[in-house]
Amino acid sequence: MKSSRRVDAAIEESVIAHMNELLIALSDDAELSREDRYTQQQRLRTAIAHHGRKHKEDMEARHEQLTKGGTIL
C-alpha cells in the first residue's frame, strides 16, 4: 500500500511538520478507504504524540542536568 509506505517514511524521518502535512494529504486521498485513511492517520497522530512526549522528557532531563545544585552551570 502506497500510503502505508509514505506514513512509514514520515514516521522514520520523525519530522513533525512532514507528519502534519501527510495527515492533511491523507484526508484528501480518494484512493484510500475510510478505514485505511483512519488507520494511517492514527499511526501519524500516535507518532506525533510520542515525539512530543519524548522531546518534553529530553528537555526536562537537560534542564535537570544543567541546574544541579540549584544554579545553571
N, C-alpha and C. Protein backbone atom coordinates (compact mmCIF):
# COMPACT_ATOMS: atom_id res chain seq x y z
N MET A 1 0.84 -1.18 0.00
CA MET A 1 0.00 0.00 0.00
C MET A 1 0.88 1.24 0.00
N LYS A 2 0.66 2.12 -0.95
CA LYS A 2 1.47 3.31 -1.15
C LYS A 2 1.42 4.25 0.05
N SER A 3 0.23 4.51 0.58
CA SER A 3 0.11 5.44 1.70
C SER A 3 0.79 4.90 2.95
N SER A 4 0.77 3.59 3.12
CA SER A 4 1.43 2.97 4.27
C SER A 4 2.93 3.23 4.23
N ARG A 5 3.52 3.14 3.05
CA ARG A 5 4.96 3.41 2.90
C ARG A 5 5.26 4.88 3.16
N ARG A 6 4.38 5.76 2.71
CA ARG A 6 4.57 7.19 2.96
C ARG A 6 4.52 7.48 4.46
N VAL A 7 3.59 6.84 5.14
CA VAL A 7 3.47 7.02 6.59
C VAL A 7 4.70 6.44 7.28
N ASP A 8 5.13 5.25 6.87
CA ASP A 8 6.34 4.65 7.43
C ASP A 8 7.53 5.60 7.29
N ALA A 9 7.69 6.17 6.10
CA ALA A 9 8.81 7.07 5.84
C ALA A 9 8.73 8.33 6.70
N ALA A 10 7.54 8.89 6.83
CA ALA A 10 7.36 10.10 7.64
C ALA A 10 7.67 9.82 9.11
N ILE A 11 7.22 8.67 9.60
CA ILE A 11 7.48 8.30 10.99
C ILE A 11 8.97 8.07 11.20
N GLU A 12 9.61 7.40 10.26
CA GLU A 12 11.05 7.14 10.35
C GLU A 12 11.83 8.46 10.35
N GLU A 13 11.41 9.39 9.52
CA GLU A 13 12.08 10.70 9.43
C GLU A 13 11.91 11.49 10.72
N SER A 14 10.78 11.33 11.38
CA SER A 14 10.49 11.95 12.68
C SER A 14 10.51 13.48 12.64
N VAL A 15 9.96 14.05 11.57
CA VAL A 15 9.83 15.50 11.45
C VAL A 15 8.34 15.83 11.55
N ILE A 16 7.97 16.52 12.62
CA ILE A 16 6.56 16.78 12.91
C ILE A 16 5.88 17.51 11.76
N ALA A 17 6.53 18.49 11.18
CA ALA A 17 5.91 19.26 10.09
C ALA A 17 5.54 18.34 8.93
N HIS A 18 6.40 17.41 8.60
CA HIS A 18 6.12 16.49 7.49
C HIS A 18 4.99 15.53 7.84
N MET A 19 4.95 15.10 9.10
CA MET A 19 3.86 14.22 9.53
C MET A 19 2.52 14.96 9.47
N ASN A 20 2.52 16.23 9.88
CA ASN A 20 1.29 17.03 9.81
C ASN A 20 0.84 17.23 8.37
N GLU A 21 1.78 17.49 7.48
CA GLU A 21 1.44 17.66 6.06
C GLU A 21 0.83 16.38 5.50
N LEU A 22 1.38 15.25 5.88
CA LEU A 22 0.87 13.97 5.41
C LEU A 22 -0.52 13.69 5.99
N LEU A 23 -0.76 14.08 7.23
CA LEU A 23 -2.11 13.94 7.81
C LEU A 23 -3.14 14.64 6.93
N ILE A 24 -2.81 15.85 6.50
CA ILE A 24 -3.72 16.62 5.65
C ILE A 24 -3.86 15.96 4.28
N ALA A 25 -2.75 15.53 3.71
CA ALA A 25 -2.79 14.89 2.39
C ALA A 25 -3.64 13.62 2.41
N LEU A 26 -3.54 12.86 3.48
CA LEU A 26 -4.33 11.63 3.58
C LEU A 26 -5.82 11.93 3.63
N SER A 27 -6.19 13.07 4.21
CA SER A 27 -7.60 13.45 4.28
C SER A 27 -8.21 13.61 2.89
N ASP A 28 -7.38 14.02 1.94
CA ASP A 28 -7.85 14.27 0.58
C ASP A 28 -7.57 13.12 -0.38
N ASP A 29 -7.03 12.02 0.11
CA ASP A 29 -6.66 10.89 -0.75
C ASP A 29 -7.89 10.04 -1.07
N ALA A 30 -8.41 10.20 -2.28
CA ALA A 30 -9.62 9.49 -2.70
C ALA A 30 -9.39 8.00 -2.91
N GLU A 31 -8.13 7.58 -3.04
CA GLU A 31 -7.83 6.16 -3.26
C GLU A 31 -7.95 5.33 -1.98
N LEU A 32 -7.93 5.98 -0.83
CA LEU A 32 -8.00 5.26 0.44
C LEU A 32 -9.43 5.05 0.88
N SER A 33 -9.68 3.89 1.44
CA SER A 33 -10.99 3.67 2.07
C SER A 33 -11.01 4.47 3.37
N ARG A 34 -12.18 4.68 3.88
CA ARG A 34 -12.31 5.44 5.13
C ARG A 34 -11.52 4.76 6.25
N GLU A 35 -11.59 3.43 6.30
CA GLU A 35 -10.88 2.68 7.34
C GLU A 35 -9.37 2.80 7.19
N ASP A 36 -8.87 2.67 5.96
CA ASP A 36 -7.43 2.80 5.73
C ASP A 36 -6.93 4.20 6.07
N ARG A 37 -7.71 5.20 5.68
CA ARG A 37 -7.35 6.59 5.98
C ARG A 37 -7.23 6.78 7.50
N TYR A 38 -8.24 6.29 8.22
CA TYR A 38 -8.24 6.42 9.68
C TYR A 38 -7.02 5.72 10.28
N THR A 39 -6.74 4.51 9.82
CA THR A 39 -5.61 3.74 10.35
C THR A 39 -4.29 4.47 10.14
N GLN A 40 -4.06 4.97 8.93
CA GLN A 40 -2.80 5.66 8.64
C GLN A 40 -2.70 6.98 9.41
N GLN A 41 -3.82 7.70 9.50
CA GLN A 41 -3.80 8.95 10.25
C GLN A 41 -3.56 8.70 11.74
N GLN A 42 -4.12 7.63 12.28
CA GLN A 42 -3.89 7.30 13.69
C GLN A 42 -2.43 6.96 13.94
N ARG A 43 -1.81 6.27 13.00
CA ARG A 43 -0.38 5.97 13.13
C ARG A 43 0.43 7.26 13.22
N LEU A 44 0.08 8.22 12.37
CA LEU A 44 0.78 9.51 12.40
C LEU A 44 0.51 10.26 13.70
N ARG A 45 -0.74 10.30 14.12
CA ARG A 45 -1.08 11.00 15.36
C ARG A 45 -0.33 10.40 16.55
N THR A 46 -0.26 9.09 16.59
CA THR A 46 0.45 8.41 17.68
C THR A 46 1.94 8.76 17.65
N ALA A 47 2.53 8.75 16.46
CA ALA A 47 3.95 9.09 16.33
C ALA A 47 4.21 10.53 16.75
N ILE A 48 3.31 11.44 16.38
CA ILE A 48 3.45 12.85 16.75
C ILE A 48 3.37 12.99 18.27
N ALA A 49 2.42 12.31 18.89
CA ALA A 49 2.26 12.38 20.35
C ALA A 49 3.50 11.84 21.06
N HIS A 50 4.03 10.71 20.58
CA HIS A 50 5.22 10.12 21.19
C HIS A 50 6.42 11.04 21.01
N HIS A 51 6.52 11.65 19.85
CA HIS A 51 7.62 12.57 19.57
C HIS A 51 7.58 13.74 20.54
N GLY A 52 6.39 14.30 20.74
CA GLY A 52 6.23 15.43 21.66
C GLY A 52 6.57 15.04 23.08
N ARG A 53 6.13 13.88 23.51
CA ARG A 53 6.41 13.40 24.86
C ARG A 53 7.91 13.18 25.05
N LYS A 54 8.56 12.57 24.06
CA LYS A 54 10.00 12.32 24.13
C LYS A 54 10.77 13.63 24.18
N HIS A 55 10.36 14.59 23.38
CA HIS A 55 11.03 15.90 23.37
C HIS A 55 10.90 16.56 24.74
N LYS A 56 9.71 16.51 25.32
CA LYS A 56 9.49 17.10 26.64
C LYS A 56 10.37 16.43 27.69
N GLU A 57 10.43 15.10 27.66
CA GLU A 57 11.26 14.36 28.61
C GLU A 57 12.74 14.72 28.44
N ASP A 58 13.19 14.83 27.20
CA ASP A 58 14.58 15.20 26.94
C ASP A 58 14.89 16.59 27.46
N MET A 59 13.97 17.53 27.25
CA MET A 59 14.18 18.90 27.72
C MET A 59 14.20 18.96 29.25
N GLU A 60 13.31 18.21 29.89
CA GLU A 60 13.30 18.18 31.36
C GLU A 60 14.59 17.58 31.91
N ALA A 61 15.07 16.52 31.29
CA ALA A 61 16.32 15.89 31.73
C ALA A 61 17.49 16.85 31.53
N ARG A 62 17.49 17.55 30.42
CA ARG A 62 18.56 18.51 30.15
C ARG A 62 18.53 19.63 31.17
N HIS A 63 17.34 20.15 31.46
CA HIS A 63 17.20 21.23 32.44
C HIS A 63 17.67 20.76 33.81
N GLU A 64 17.28 19.54 34.18
CA GLU A 64 17.69 19.00 35.48
C GLU A 64 19.21 18.89 35.57
N GLN A 65 19.82 18.43 34.49
CA GLN A 65 21.27 18.28 34.49
C GLN A 65 21.96 19.65 34.55
N LEU A 66 21.40 20.63 33.86
CA LEU A 66 22.01 21.97 33.84
C LEU A 66 21.83 22.70 35.16
N THR A 67 20.83 22.33 35.93
CA THR A 67 20.54 23.07 37.16
C THR A 67 20.89 22.29 38.43
N LYS A 68 21.76 21.32 38.33
CA LYS A 68 22.19 20.57 39.52
C LYS A 68 22.74 21.55 40.55
N GLY A 69 22.31 21.39 41.77
CA GLY A 69 22.77 22.28 42.83
C GLY A 69 22.02 23.59 42.88
N GLY A 70 20.99 23.74 42.04
CA GLY A 70 20.14 24.92 42.10
C GLY A 70 20.55 26.08 41.21
N THR A 71 21.68 25.98 40.55
CA THR A 71 22.09 27.06 39.65
C THR A 71 22.43 26.48 38.29
N ILE A 72 22.22 27.29 37.29
CA ILE A 72 22.57 26.86 35.94
C ILE A 72 24.08 26.89 35.80
N LEU A 73 24.63 25.78 35.34
CA LEU A 73 26.09 25.66 35.23
C LEU A 73 26.62 26.33 34.00
